[in-house]
């Protein structure tokens, strides 16, 4: 429902902030323009913020785990060289979502300018007690392309939702692209690849 839609933003103060979207969402730009011409322009109201990084957040993506209880991951890369794995969920019996962060310090040796979700690897062999696993990549000013796997445990601890999240480094590769600014997922016949863009471009076909 539209009442459950939330905009997530990140900025130079190291916080991610949530803004509830209470107005109906339009299906296209034309519908949106027409709606704004005939209705008051809706405004966003601050919901709450979560401190994640020491300073500026350079990149962010979100991925839904269980839409029915708003369970989602927000992955961020910071100017501090850290990666933040934030989980947001509405536990049964709760009126408001619970948000907690697992921070990976020194994930890169410099600012992390790009993080990108790659694929859901839950169909592969899972370790005992693991319900889901997801793969993403990160890169930054240290010219490294790193592949990570996030493993979600079956049960959530009563005192902490982030205890059910485990993150491991899968691959570490050098990229010749300087000043990496963004990453792009490429779907291929035999899997997925990644395009690294900055001062130049480079395509990686083996990142898992």
N, C-alpha and C. Protein backbone atom coordinates (compact mmCIF):
# COMPACT_ATOMS: atom_id res chain seq x y z
N UNK A 1 0.84 -1.19 0.00
CA UNK A 1 0.00 0.00 0.00
C UNK A 1 0.88 1.24 0.00
N UNK A 2 0.34 2.37 -0.52
CA UNK A 2 1.13 3.59 -0.55
C UNK A 2 1.50 4.06 0.84
N UNK A 3 0.72 3.70 1.86
CA UNK A 3 1.01 4.13 3.21
C UNK A 3 2.28 3.48 3.74
N UNK A 4 2.74 2.40 3.09
CA UNK A 4 3.95 1.72 3.54
C UNK A 4 5.19 2.12 2.75
N UNK A 5 5.03 2.99 1.76
CA UNK A 5 6.17 3.40 0.94
C UNK A 5 6.96 4.49 1.66
N UNK A 6 8.29 4.31 1.63
CA UNK A 6 9.17 5.25 2.32
C UNK A 6 10.32 5.60 1.41
N UNK A 7 10.65 6.88 1.35
CA UNK A 7 11.82 7.35 0.61
C UNK A 7 13.01 7.35 1.56
N UNK A 8 14.13 6.77 1.11
CA UNK A 8 15.35 6.73 1.92
C UNK A 8 16.41 7.61 1.26
N UNK A 9 16.96 8.55 2.02
CA UNK A 9 17.99 9.45 1.50
C UNK A 9 19.24 9.38 2.38
N UNK A 10 20.37 9.77 1.80
CA UNK A 10 21.64 9.81 2.53
C UNK A 10 22.35 11.12 2.19
N UNK A 11 23.18 11.60 3.11
CA UNK A 11 23.82 12.90 2.87
C UNK A 11 25.18 12.97 3.55
N UNK A 12 25.74 14.17 3.57
CA UNK A 12 27.10 14.37 4.06
C UNK A 12 27.22 14.34 5.58
N UNK A 13 26.10 14.21 6.30
CA UNK A 13 26.18 14.13 7.76
C UNK A 13 26.32 12.68 8.24
N UNK A 14 26.40 11.72 7.30
CA UNK A 14 26.59 10.33 7.68
C UNK A 14 25.33 9.60 8.09
N UNK A 15 24.17 10.25 7.95
CA UNK A 15 22.89 9.65 8.34
C UNK A 15 22.11 9.19 7.11
N UNK A 16 21.32 8.14 7.28
CA UNK A 16 20.27 7.84 6.32
C UNK A 16 18.95 8.27 6.96
N UNK A 17 18.09 8.86 6.16
CA UNK A 17 16.85 9.45 6.66
C UNK A 17 15.67 8.85 5.90
N UNK A 18 14.59 8.60 6.62
CA UNK A 18 13.39 8.00 6.03
C UNK A 18 12.27 9.04 5.99
N UNK A 19 11.60 9.09 4.83
CA UNK A 19 10.52 10.03 4.59
C UNK A 19 9.30 9.23 4.12
N UNK A 20 8.23 9.18 4.87
CA UNK A 20 7.04 8.44 4.43
C UNK A 20 6.37 9.12 3.25
N UNK A 21 5.95 8.32 2.28
CA UNK A 21 5.22 8.83 1.12
C UNK A 21 3.75 8.52 1.34
N UNK A 22 2.99 9.52 1.69
CA UNK A 22 1.59 9.32 2.03
C UNK A 22 0.64 9.59 0.86
N UNK A 23 1.12 10.28 -0.17
CA UNK A 23 0.26 10.58 -1.31
C UNK A 23 0.36 9.45 -2.34
N UNK A 24 -0.66 9.26 -3.15
CA UNK A 24 -0.62 8.20 -4.16
C UNK A 24 0.51 8.42 -5.16
N UNK A 25 1.17 7.33 -5.55
CA UNK A 25 2.23 7.40 -6.54
C UNK A 25 1.63 7.22 -7.94
N UNK A 26 2.16 7.99 -8.89
CA UNK A 26 1.66 7.91 -10.26
C UNK A 26 2.47 6.88 -11.06
N UNK A 27 1.87 6.35 -12.10
CA UNK A 27 2.51 5.31 -12.90
C UNK A 27 3.51 5.84 -13.91
N UNK A 28 3.45 7.12 -14.24
CA UNK A 28 4.35 7.68 -15.24
C UNK A 28 4.59 9.15 -14.94
N UNK A 29 5.58 9.72 -15.65
CA UNK A 29 5.88 11.15 -15.50
C UNK A 29 4.69 11.99 -15.94
N UNK A 30 4.06 11.60 -17.04
CA UNK A 30 2.91 12.36 -17.54
C UNK A 30 1.77 12.36 -16.52
N UNK A 31 1.51 11.20 -15.91
CA UNK A 31 0.48 11.13 -14.88
C UNK A 31 0.84 12.01 -13.69
N UNK A 32 2.13 12.03 -13.34
CA UNK A 32 2.58 12.84 -12.21
C UNK A 32 2.38 14.33 -12.49
N UNK A 33 2.75 14.77 -13.70
CA UNK A 33 2.60 16.18 -14.06
C UNK A 33 1.12 16.57 -14.05
N UNK A 34 0.29 15.71 -14.62
CA UNK A 34 -1.14 16.00 -14.65
C UNK A 34 -1.73 16.06 -13.24
N UNK A 35 -1.25 15.16 -12.38
CA UNK A 35 -1.74 15.15 -11.00
C UNK A 35 -1.35 16.45 -10.28
N UNK A 36 -0.11 16.91 -10.50
CA UNK A 36 0.37 18.12 -9.82
C UNK A 36 -0.33 19.37 -10.33
N UNK A 37 -0.79 19.34 -11.59
CA UNK A 37 -1.48 20.49 -12.14
C UNK A 37 -2.88 20.64 -11.58
N UNK A 38 -3.45 19.55 -11.16
CA UNK A 38 -4.85 19.58 -10.69
C UNK A 38 -4.98 19.38 -9.19
N UNK A 39 -3.87 19.15 -8.50
CA UNK A 39 -3.90 18.91 -7.06
C UNK A 39 -2.78 19.67 -6.38
N UNK A 40 -2.92 19.95 -5.08
CA UNK A 40 -1.83 20.60 -4.36
C UNK A 40 -0.57 19.73 -4.39
N UNK A 41 0.57 20.37 -4.55
CA UNK A 41 1.83 19.62 -4.60
C UNK A 41 2.11 19.03 -3.22
N UNK A 42 2.25 17.69 -3.12
CA UNK A 42 2.48 17.07 -1.82
C UNK A 42 3.87 17.38 -1.29
N UNK A 43 4.00 17.40 0.01
CA UNK A 43 5.29 17.65 0.65
C UNK A 43 5.70 16.42 1.46
N UNK A 44 7.00 16.27 1.62
CA UNK A 44 7.54 15.18 2.43
C UNK A 44 7.80 15.68 3.84
N UNK A 45 7.55 14.83 4.81
CA UNK A 45 7.80 15.16 6.21
C UNK A 45 8.83 14.20 6.78
N UNK A 46 9.75 14.75 7.55
CA UNK A 46 10.80 13.95 8.17
C UNK A 46 10.18 12.88 9.08
N UNK A 47 10.65 11.64 8.93
CA UNK A 47 10.18 10.53 9.76
C UNK A 47 11.19 10.26 10.86
N UNK A 48 12.36 9.72 10.48
CA UNK A 48 13.45 9.55 11.44
C UNK A 48 14.75 9.30 10.68
N UNK A 49 15.87 9.49 11.37
CA UNK A 49 17.18 9.28 10.77
C UNK A 49 18.00 8.31 11.60
N UNK A 50 18.98 7.69 10.93
CA UNK A 50 19.84 6.70 11.57
C UNK A 50 21.30 7.05 11.26
N UNK A 51 22.15 7.24 12.30
CA UNK A 51 23.57 7.50 12.03
C UNK A 51 24.26 6.22 11.57
N UNK A 52 25.00 6.30 10.46
CA UNK A 52 25.68 5.12 9.92
C UNK A 52 27.17 5.35 9.77
N UNK A 53 27.57 6.45 9.09
CA UNK A 53 28.98 6.71 8.80
C UNK A 53 29.49 7.92 9.58
N UNK A 54 30.82 8.02 9.66
CA UNK A 54 31.43 9.14 10.39
C UNK A 54 31.20 10.46 9.67
N UNK A 55 31.20 10.41 8.34
CA UNK A 55 30.96 11.64 7.57
C UNK A 55 30.14 11.29 6.33
N UNK A 56 30.48 11.85 5.19
CA UNK A 56 29.62 11.79 4.02
C UNK A 56 29.34 10.37 3.53
N UNK A 57 28.07 10.11 3.17
CA UNK A 57 27.68 8.87 2.51
C UNK A 57 27.73 9.12 1.01
N UNK A 58 28.53 8.30 0.31
CA UNK A 58 28.78 8.52 -1.11
C UNK A 58 27.87 7.70 -2.02
N UNK A 59 27.32 6.59 -1.51
CA UNK A 59 26.54 5.70 -2.36
C UNK A 59 25.55 4.91 -1.51
N UNK A 60 24.49 4.43 -2.16
CA UNK A 60 23.42 3.74 -1.43
C UNK A 60 22.59 2.91 -2.40
N UNK A 61 22.16 1.73 -1.94
CA UNK A 61 21.09 1.01 -2.63
C UNK A 61 20.24 0.30 -1.58
N UNK A 62 19.01 -0.01 -1.94
CA UNK A 62 18.10 -0.73 -1.05
C UNK A 62 17.64 -2.01 -1.73
N UNK A 63 17.32 -3.01 -0.91
CA UNK A 63 16.80 -4.27 -1.44
C UNK A 63 15.78 -4.84 -0.46
N UNK A 64 14.60 -5.20 -0.99
CA UNK A 64 13.54 -5.75 -0.16
C UNK A 64 13.76 -7.23 0.11
N UNK A 65 13.67 -7.63 1.39
CA UNK A 65 13.81 -9.03 1.78
C UNK A 65 12.46 -9.71 1.93
N UNK A 66 11.56 -9.06 2.68
CA UNK A 66 10.20 -9.57 2.89
C UNK A 66 9.25 -8.38 2.86
N UNK A 67 8.59 -8.12 1.74
CA UNK A 67 7.71 -6.95 1.63
C UNK A 67 6.57 -6.95 2.65
N UNK A 68 6.13 -8.13 3.06
CA UNK A 68 4.96 -8.19 3.94
C UNK A 68 5.23 -7.57 5.31
N UNK A 69 6.48 -7.59 5.79
CA UNK A 69 6.79 -6.96 7.07
C UNK A 69 7.82 -5.83 6.92
N UNK A 70 7.90 -5.28 5.70
CA UNK A 70 8.78 -4.15 5.40
C UNK A 70 10.25 -4.47 5.63
N UNK A 71 10.61 -5.76 5.66
CA UNK A 71 11.99 -6.18 5.90
C UNK A 71 12.84 -5.82 4.69
N UNK A 72 13.85 -4.98 4.90
CA UNK A 72 14.69 -4.54 3.78
C UNK A 72 16.10 -4.25 4.25
N UNK A 73 17.03 -4.27 3.28
CA UNK A 73 18.42 -3.92 3.53
C UNK A 73 18.74 -2.60 2.83
N UNK A 74 19.48 -1.74 3.52
CA UNK A 74 20.00 -0.51 2.93
C UNK A 74 21.52 -0.58 3.05
N UNK A 75 22.20 -0.66 1.90
CA UNK A 75 23.66 -0.77 1.88
C UNK A 75 24.24 0.57 1.47
N UNK A 76 25.20 1.07 2.25
CA UNK A 76 25.80 2.38 1.99
C UNK A 76 27.31 2.29 1.97
N UNK A 77 27.92 3.14 1.16
CA UNK A 77 29.37 3.30 1.14
C UNK A 77 29.72 4.71 1.56
N UNK A 78 30.73 4.84 2.41
CA UNK A 78 31.03 6.13 2.99
C UNK A 78 32.39 6.69 2.64
N UNK A 79 32.52 7.98 2.91
CA UNK A 79 33.80 8.67 2.75
C UNK A 79 34.83 8.15 3.74
N UNK A 80 34.36 7.43 4.77
CA UNK A 80 35.24 6.87 5.79
C UNK A 80 35.79 5.50 5.40
N UNK A 81 35.50 5.03 4.18
CA UNK A 81 36.00 3.73 3.74
C UNK A 81 35.23 2.56 4.30
N UNK A 82 34.11 2.82 4.94
CA UNK A 82 33.32 1.76 5.56
C UNK A 82 32.08 1.46 4.71
N UNK A 83 31.55 0.25 4.89
CA UNK A 83 30.28 -0.15 4.30
C UNK A 83 29.28 -0.35 5.43
N UNK A 84 28.10 0.23 5.27
CA UNK A 84 27.04 0.06 6.26
C UNK A 84 25.97 -0.88 5.73
N UNK A 85 25.60 -1.87 6.53
CA UNK A 85 24.49 -2.77 6.20
C UNK A 85 23.39 -2.48 7.21
N UNK A 86 22.37 -1.77 6.78
CA UNK A 86 21.28 -1.38 7.67
C UNK A 86 20.05 -2.23 7.35
N UNK A 87 19.48 -2.80 8.39
CA UNK A 87 18.27 -3.60 8.22
C UNK A 87 17.09 -2.87 8.85
N UNK A 88 16.01 -2.79 8.11
CA UNK A 88 14.79 -2.13 8.58
C UNK A 88 13.64 -3.11 8.48
N UNK A 89 12.94 -3.34 9.59
CA UNK A 89 11.90 -4.35 9.62
C UNK A 89 10.79 -3.92 10.57
N UNK A 90 9.57 -4.35 10.28
CA UNK A 90 8.44 -4.13 11.18
C UNK A 90 8.12 -5.45 11.86
N UNK A 91 8.67 -5.69 13.06
CA UNK A 91 8.43 -6.96 13.75
C UNK A 91 6.96 -7.15 14.10
N UNK A 92 6.57 -8.39 14.21
CA UNK A 92 5.18 -8.69 14.55
C UNK A 92 4.83 -8.08 15.91
N UNK A 93 3.70 -7.40 15.97
CA UNK A 93 3.26 -6.78 17.21
C UNK A 93 3.78 -5.38 17.42
N UNK A 94 4.65 -4.88 16.51
CA UNK A 94 5.20 -3.53 16.64
C UNK A 94 4.41 -2.55 15.77
N UNK A 95 4.29 -1.32 16.26
CA UNK A 95 3.62 -0.28 15.49
C UNK A 95 4.57 0.47 14.57
N UNK A 96 5.86 0.48 14.93
CA UNK A 96 6.84 1.22 14.16
C UNK A 96 8.01 0.31 13.77
N UNK A 97 8.65 0.60 12.63
CA UNK A 97 9.78 -0.23 12.19
C UNK A 97 10.97 -0.12 13.14
N UNK A 98 11.77 -1.17 13.16
CA UNK A 98 13.03 -1.20 13.91
C UNK A 98 14.17 -1.15 12.89
N UNK A 99 15.15 -0.29 13.16
CA UNK A 99 16.27 -0.11 12.22
C UNK A 99 17.59 -0.25 12.98
N UNK A 100 18.47 -1.13 12.49
CA UNK A 100 19.79 -1.33 13.09
C UNK A 100 20.83 -1.47 11.99
N UNK A 101 22.08 -1.12 12.31
CA UNK A 101 23.15 -1.10 11.32
C UNK A 101 24.34 -1.94 11.75
N UNK A 102 24.86 -2.69 10.78
CA UNK A 102 26.14 -3.39 10.92
C UNK A 102 27.16 -2.65 10.07
N UNK A 103 28.20 -2.10 10.70
CA UNK A 103 29.20 -1.32 9.98
C UNK A 103 30.45 -2.16 9.76
N UNK A 104 30.94 -2.15 8.52
CA UNK A 104 32.18 -2.86 8.16
C UNK A 104 33.28 -1.80 7.99
N UNK A 105 34.07 -1.54 9.02
CA UNK A 105 35.13 -0.53 8.89
C UNK A 105 36.26 -1.04 7.99
N UNK A 106 36.93 -0.09 7.33
CA UNK A 106 38.06 -0.42 6.46
C UNK A 106 37.68 -1.43 5.38
N UNK A 107 36.44 -1.34 4.90
CA UNK A 107 36.03 -2.19 3.78
C UNK A 107 36.82 -1.85 2.53
N UNK A 108 37.21 -0.59 2.41
CA UNK A 108 38.12 -0.11 1.37
C UNK A 108 39.14 0.79 2.03
N UNK A 109 40.25 1.03 1.31
CA UNK A 109 41.32 1.87 1.85
C UNK A 109 41.07 3.35 1.60
N UNK A 110 39.97 3.67 0.91
CA UNK A 110 39.63 5.07 0.62
C UNK A 110 38.12 5.18 0.53
N UNK A 111 37.65 6.34 0.13
CA UNK A 111 36.20 6.58 0.04
C UNK A 111 35.55 5.58 -0.90
N UNK A 112 34.36 5.11 -0.51
CA UNK A 112 33.60 4.17 -1.33
C UNK A 112 32.55 4.96 -2.10
N UNK A 113 32.78 5.09 -3.40
CA UNK A 113 31.92 5.94 -4.22
C UNK A 113 30.75 5.21 -4.85
N UNK A 114 30.74 3.87 -4.81
CA UNK A 114 29.68 3.13 -5.49
C UNK A 114 29.45 1.79 -4.83
N UNK A 115 28.19 1.45 -4.62
CA UNK A 115 27.77 0.11 -4.21
C UNK A 115 26.63 -0.30 -5.14
N UNK A 116 26.57 -1.57 -5.52
CA UNK A 116 25.56 -2.02 -6.47
C UNK A 116 25.11 -3.43 -6.14
N UNK A 117 23.80 -3.63 -6.08
CA UNK A 117 23.24 -4.97 -5.86
C UNK A 117 23.40 -5.79 -7.12
N UNK A 118 23.83 -7.07 -6.95
CA UNK A 118 24.02 -7.93 -8.10
C UNK A 118 22.92 -8.97 -8.26
N UNK A 119 22.77 -9.85 -7.25
CA UNK A 119 21.82 -10.94 -7.44
C UNK A 119 21.43 -11.59 -6.13
N UNK A 120 20.30 -12.28 -6.20
CA UNK A 120 19.82 -13.11 -5.10
C UNK A 120 20.39 -14.50 -5.30
N UNK A 121 21.26 -14.92 -4.39
CA UNK A 121 21.92 -16.23 -4.50
C UNK A 121 21.31 -17.24 -3.54
N UNK A 122 20.05 -17.01 -3.16
CA UNK A 122 19.41 -17.89 -2.18
C UNK A 122 19.13 -19.28 -2.75
N UNK A 123 19.10 -19.41 -4.07
CA UNK A 123 18.83 -20.71 -4.68
C UNK A 123 20.04 -21.64 -4.64
N UNK A 124 21.20 -21.10 -4.28
CA UNK A 124 22.40 -21.91 -4.19
C UNK A 124 22.45 -22.64 -2.86
N UNK A 125 23.43 -23.50 -2.70
CA UNK A 125 23.57 -24.25 -1.46
C UNK A 125 23.75 -23.28 -0.29
N UNK A 126 22.85 -23.37 0.68
CA UNK A 126 22.89 -22.50 1.83
C UNK A 126 23.43 -23.24 3.04
N UNK A 127 24.22 -22.53 3.83
CA UNK A 127 24.70 -23.12 5.08
C UNK A 127 23.52 -23.31 6.04
N UNK A 128 23.70 -24.18 7.00
CA UNK A 128 22.62 -24.45 7.95
C UNK A 128 22.23 -23.19 8.71
N UNK A 129 20.93 -22.94 8.78
CA UNK A 129 20.43 -21.78 9.51
C UNK A 129 20.34 -20.52 8.68
N UNK A 130 20.81 -20.57 7.41
CA UNK A 130 20.77 -19.40 6.54
C UNK A 130 19.54 -19.47 5.64
N UNK A 131 18.76 -18.40 5.61
CA UNK A 131 17.53 -18.38 4.83
C UNK A 131 17.71 -17.72 3.47
N UNK A 132 18.49 -16.64 3.42
CA UNK A 132 18.73 -15.91 2.18
C UNK A 132 20.19 -15.51 2.08
N UNK A 133 20.67 -15.33 0.85
CA UNK A 133 21.99 -14.72 0.65
C UNK A 133 21.96 -13.87 -0.62
N UNK A 134 22.57 -12.69 -0.51
CA UNK A 134 22.54 -11.71 -1.58
C UNK A 134 23.95 -11.21 -1.84
N UNK A 135 24.25 -10.95 -3.11
CA UNK A 135 25.60 -10.56 -3.51
C UNK A 135 25.58 -9.12 -4.02
N UNK A 136 26.54 -8.32 -3.56
CA UNK A 136 26.68 -6.95 -4.06
C UNK A 136 28.15 -6.62 -4.23
N UNK A 137 28.44 -5.54 -4.94
CA UNK A 137 29.81 -5.11 -5.19
C UNK A 137 30.00 -3.67 -4.71
N UNK A 138 31.25 -3.33 -4.46
CA UNK A 138 31.60 -1.97 -4.03
C UNK A 138 32.91 -1.56 -4.68
N UNK A 139 33.09 -0.25 -4.85
CA UNK A 139 34.34 0.26 -5.40
C UNK A 139 34.50 1.71 -4.99
N UNK A 140 35.74 2.21 -5.11
CA UNK A 140 35.99 3.58 -4.70
C UNK A 140 37.34 4.09 -5.15
N UNK A 141 37.87 5.03 -4.39
CA UNK A 141 39.11 5.71 -4.77
C UNK A 141 40.35 4.84 -4.64
N UNK A 142 40.24 3.67 -4.01
CA UNK A 142 41.39 2.77 -3.92
C UNK A 142 41.53 1.87 -5.14
N UNK A 143 40.63 2.04 -6.13
CA UNK A 143 40.64 1.28 -7.39
C UNK A 143 40.54 -0.23 -7.14
N UNK A 144 39.72 -0.61 -6.19
CA UNK A 144 39.43 -2.02 -5.94
C UNK A 144 37.95 -2.27 -6.21
N UNK A 145 37.66 -3.39 -6.82
CA UNK A 145 36.29 -3.85 -6.99
C UNK A 145 36.11 -5.06 -6.10
N UNK A 146 35.26 -4.93 -5.10
CA UNK A 146 35.10 -5.99 -4.11
C UNK A 146 33.68 -6.55 -4.15
N UNK A 147 33.60 -7.86 -4.09
CA UNK A 147 32.33 -8.57 -4.12
C UNK A 147 32.03 -9.11 -2.73
N UNK A 148 30.81 -8.89 -2.25
CA UNK A 148 30.41 -9.28 -0.91
C UNK A 148 29.15 -10.14 -0.95
N UNK A 149 29.01 -11.01 0.03
CA UNK A 149 27.78 -11.77 0.18
C UNK A 149 27.17 -11.44 1.54
N UNK A 150 25.88 -11.15 1.53
CA UNK A 150 25.12 -10.89 2.77
C UNK A 150 24.25 -12.11 3.03
N UNK A 151 24.42 -12.73 4.18
CA UNK A 151 23.64 -13.90 4.54
C UNK A 151 22.65 -13.55 5.64
N UNK A 152 21.40 -13.93 5.40
CA UNK A 152 20.32 -13.61 6.34
C UNK A 152 19.91 -14.90 7.05
N UNK A 153 19.99 -14.91 8.37
CA UNK A 153 19.63 -16.09 9.13
C UNK A 153 18.11 -16.26 9.20
N UNK A 154 17.69 -17.50 9.46
CA UNK A 154 16.26 -17.82 9.47
C UNK A 154 15.52 -17.10 10.59
N UNK A 155 16.12 -17.05 11.75
CA UNK A 155 15.43 -16.47 12.91
C UNK A 155 16.11 -15.18 13.33
N UNK A 156 15.29 -14.24 13.74
CA UNK A 156 15.79 -12.95 14.21
C UNK A 156 15.87 -12.97 15.73
N UNK A 157 17.02 -12.58 16.25
CA UNK A 157 17.19 -12.52 17.70
C UNK A 157 16.22 -11.52 18.31
N UNK A 158 15.72 -11.83 19.49
CA UNK A 158 14.73 -10.97 20.12
C UNK A 158 15.28 -9.59 20.45
N UNK A 159 16.57 -9.53 20.78
CA UNK A 159 17.14 -8.26 21.21
C UNK A 159 17.85 -7.49 20.10
N UNK A 160 18.02 -8.10 18.90
CA UNK A 160 18.73 -7.41 17.82
C UNK A 160 18.38 -8.03 16.48
N UNK A 161 17.92 -7.19 15.54
CA UNK A 161 17.61 -7.70 14.21
C UNK A 161 18.86 -7.83 13.35
N UNK A 162 19.92 -7.08 13.69
CA UNK A 162 21.13 -7.10 12.88
C UNK A 162 21.97 -8.33 13.17
N UNK A 163 21.73 -9.02 14.29
CA UNK A 163 22.48 -10.23 14.60
C UNK A 163 22.18 -11.34 13.59
N UNK A 164 21.07 -11.19 12.87
CA UNK A 164 20.72 -12.17 11.86
C UNK A 164 21.37 -11.92 10.51
N UNK A 165 22.29 -10.95 10.46
CA UNK A 165 22.95 -10.59 9.20
C UNK A 165 24.44 -10.88 9.29
N UNK A 166 24.97 -11.60 8.30
CA UNK A 166 26.39 -11.94 8.24
C UNK A 166 26.93 -11.50 6.88
N UNK A 167 28.06 -10.79 6.86
CA UNK A 167 28.64 -10.26 5.62
C UNK A 167 30.05 -10.80 5.45
N UNK A 168 30.34 -11.30 4.25
CA UNK A 168 31.67 -11.84 3.97
C UNK A 168 32.17 -11.35 2.61
N UNK A 169 33.49 -11.16 2.52
CA UNK A 169 34.13 -10.75 1.27
C UNK A 169 34.35 -11.98 0.39
N UNK A 170 33.86 -11.91 -0.86
CA UNK A 170 34.01 -13.03 -1.79
C UNK A 170 35.21 -12.86 -2.72
N UNK A 171 35.34 -11.64 -3.31
CA UNK A 171 36.41 -11.40 -4.27
C UNK A 171 36.94 -9.99 -4.11
N UNK A 172 38.22 -9.83 -4.46
CA UNK A 172 38.87 -8.52 -4.41
C UNK A 172 39.70 -8.37 -5.68
N UNK A 173 39.29 -7.43 -6.56
CA UNK A 173 39.96 -7.27 -7.84
C UNK A 173 40.41 -5.83 -8.05
N UNK A 174 41.46 -5.67 -8.84
CA UNK A 174 41.96 -4.34 -9.18
C UNK A 174 41.25 -3.83 -10.41
N UNK A 175 40.90 -2.53 -10.41
CA UNK A 175 40.36 -1.89 -11.60
C UNK A 175 41.27 -0.76 -12.03
N UNK A 176 41.44 -0.64 -13.34
CA UNK A 176 42.31 0.41 -13.86
C UNK A 176 41.60 1.76 -13.94
N UNK A 177 40.32 1.79 -13.59
CA UNK A 177 39.54 3.04 -13.65
C UNK A 177 39.85 3.90 -12.43
N UNK A 178 40.30 5.10 -12.69
CA UNK A 178 40.56 6.04 -11.59
C UNK A 178 39.30 6.84 -11.26
N UNK A 179 39.22 7.32 -10.02
CA UNK A 179 38.08 8.12 -9.57
C UNK A 179 36.75 7.45 -9.92
N UNK A 180 36.59 6.22 -9.46
CA UNK A 180 35.36 5.48 -9.72
C UNK A 180 34.17 6.28 -9.19
N UNK A 181 33.15 6.43 -10.04
CA UNK A 181 31.97 7.20 -9.65
C UNK A 181 30.71 6.36 -9.57
N UNK A 182 30.65 5.26 -10.35
CA UNK A 182 29.44 4.44 -10.31
C UNK A 182 29.73 3.03 -10.82
N UNK A 183 28.84 2.12 -10.46
CA UNK A 183 28.89 0.73 -10.91
C UNK A 183 27.56 0.40 -11.58
N UNK A 184 27.61 -0.45 -12.59
CA UNK A 184 26.39 -0.87 -13.27
C UNK A 184 26.36 -2.37 -13.46
N UNK A 185 25.24 -2.96 -13.14
CA UNK A 185 25.06 -4.40 -13.31
C UNK A 185 24.79 -4.73 -14.77
N UNK A 186 25.44 -5.79 -15.28
CA UNK A 186 25.25 -6.24 -16.65
C UNK A 186 24.79 -7.69 -16.62
N UNK A 187 23.62 -7.96 -17.21
CA UNK A 187 23.10 -9.32 -17.27
C UNK A 187 23.62 -10.00 -18.54
N UNK A 188 24.30 -11.14 -18.35
CA UNK A 188 24.88 -11.88 -19.47
C UNK A 188 24.27 -13.27 -19.54
N UNK A 189 24.61 -14.00 -20.60
CA UNK A 189 24.05 -15.33 -20.78
C UNK A 189 24.48 -16.29 -19.67
N UNK A 190 25.71 -16.13 -19.19
CA UNK A 190 26.24 -17.05 -18.19
C UNK A 190 26.33 -16.46 -16.79
N UNK A 191 25.58 -15.38 -16.55
CA UNK A 191 25.61 -14.79 -15.21
C UNK A 191 25.49 -13.28 -15.27
N UNK A 192 26.11 -12.62 -14.31
CA UNK A 192 26.08 -11.16 -14.26
C UNK A 192 27.49 -10.62 -14.24
N UNK A 193 27.65 -9.42 -14.79
CA UNK A 193 28.92 -8.73 -14.76
C UNK A 193 28.73 -7.33 -14.21
N UNK A 194 29.81 -6.57 -14.15
CA UNK A 194 29.77 -5.22 -13.60
C UNK A 194 30.57 -4.27 -14.49
N UNK A 195 29.99 -3.12 -14.79
CA UNK A 195 30.70 -2.05 -15.47
C UNK A 195 31.14 -1.03 -14.44
N UNK A 196 32.43 -0.74 -14.41
CA UNK A 196 33.00 0.26 -13.51
C UNK A 196 33.23 1.53 -14.33
N UNK A 197 32.72 2.67 -13.85
CA UNK A 197 32.85 3.93 -14.59
C UNK A 197 33.45 5.00 -13.70
N UNK A 198 34.29 5.80 -14.30
CA UNK A 198 34.94 6.92 -13.62
C UNK A 198 35.71 7.69 -14.68
N UNK A 199 37.03 7.79 -14.52
CA UNK A 199 37.87 8.30 -15.60
C UNK A 199 38.18 7.11 -16.49
N UNK A 200 37.25 6.82 -17.37
CA UNK A 200 37.32 5.62 -18.19
C UNK A 200 36.27 4.61 -17.73
N UNK A 201 36.21 3.47 -18.42
CA UNK A 201 35.28 2.42 -18.09
C UNK A 201 35.96 1.06 -18.22
N UNK A 202 35.48 0.11 -17.42
CA UNK A 202 36.00 -1.26 -17.48
C UNK A 202 34.86 -2.21 -17.15
N UNK A 203 34.79 -3.32 -17.90
CA UNK A 203 33.75 -4.31 -17.68
C UNK A 203 34.35 -5.58 -17.09
N UNK A 204 33.77 -6.03 -15.98
CA UNK A 204 34.17 -7.28 -15.34
C UNK A 204 33.09 -8.33 -15.58
N UNK A 205 33.48 -9.45 -16.15
CA UNK A 205 32.53 -10.51 -16.44
C UNK A 205 32.56 -11.63 -15.40
N UNK A 206 33.53 -11.58 -14.50
CA UNK A 206 33.65 -12.61 -13.47
C UNK A 206 33.81 -11.92 -12.12
N UNK A 207 32.71 -11.69 -11.44
CA UNK A 207 32.75 -10.95 -10.17
C UNK A 207 32.27 -11.76 -8.98
N UNK A 208 31.67 -12.93 -9.22
CA UNK A 208 31.13 -13.73 -8.10
C UNK A 208 32.22 -14.56 -7.45
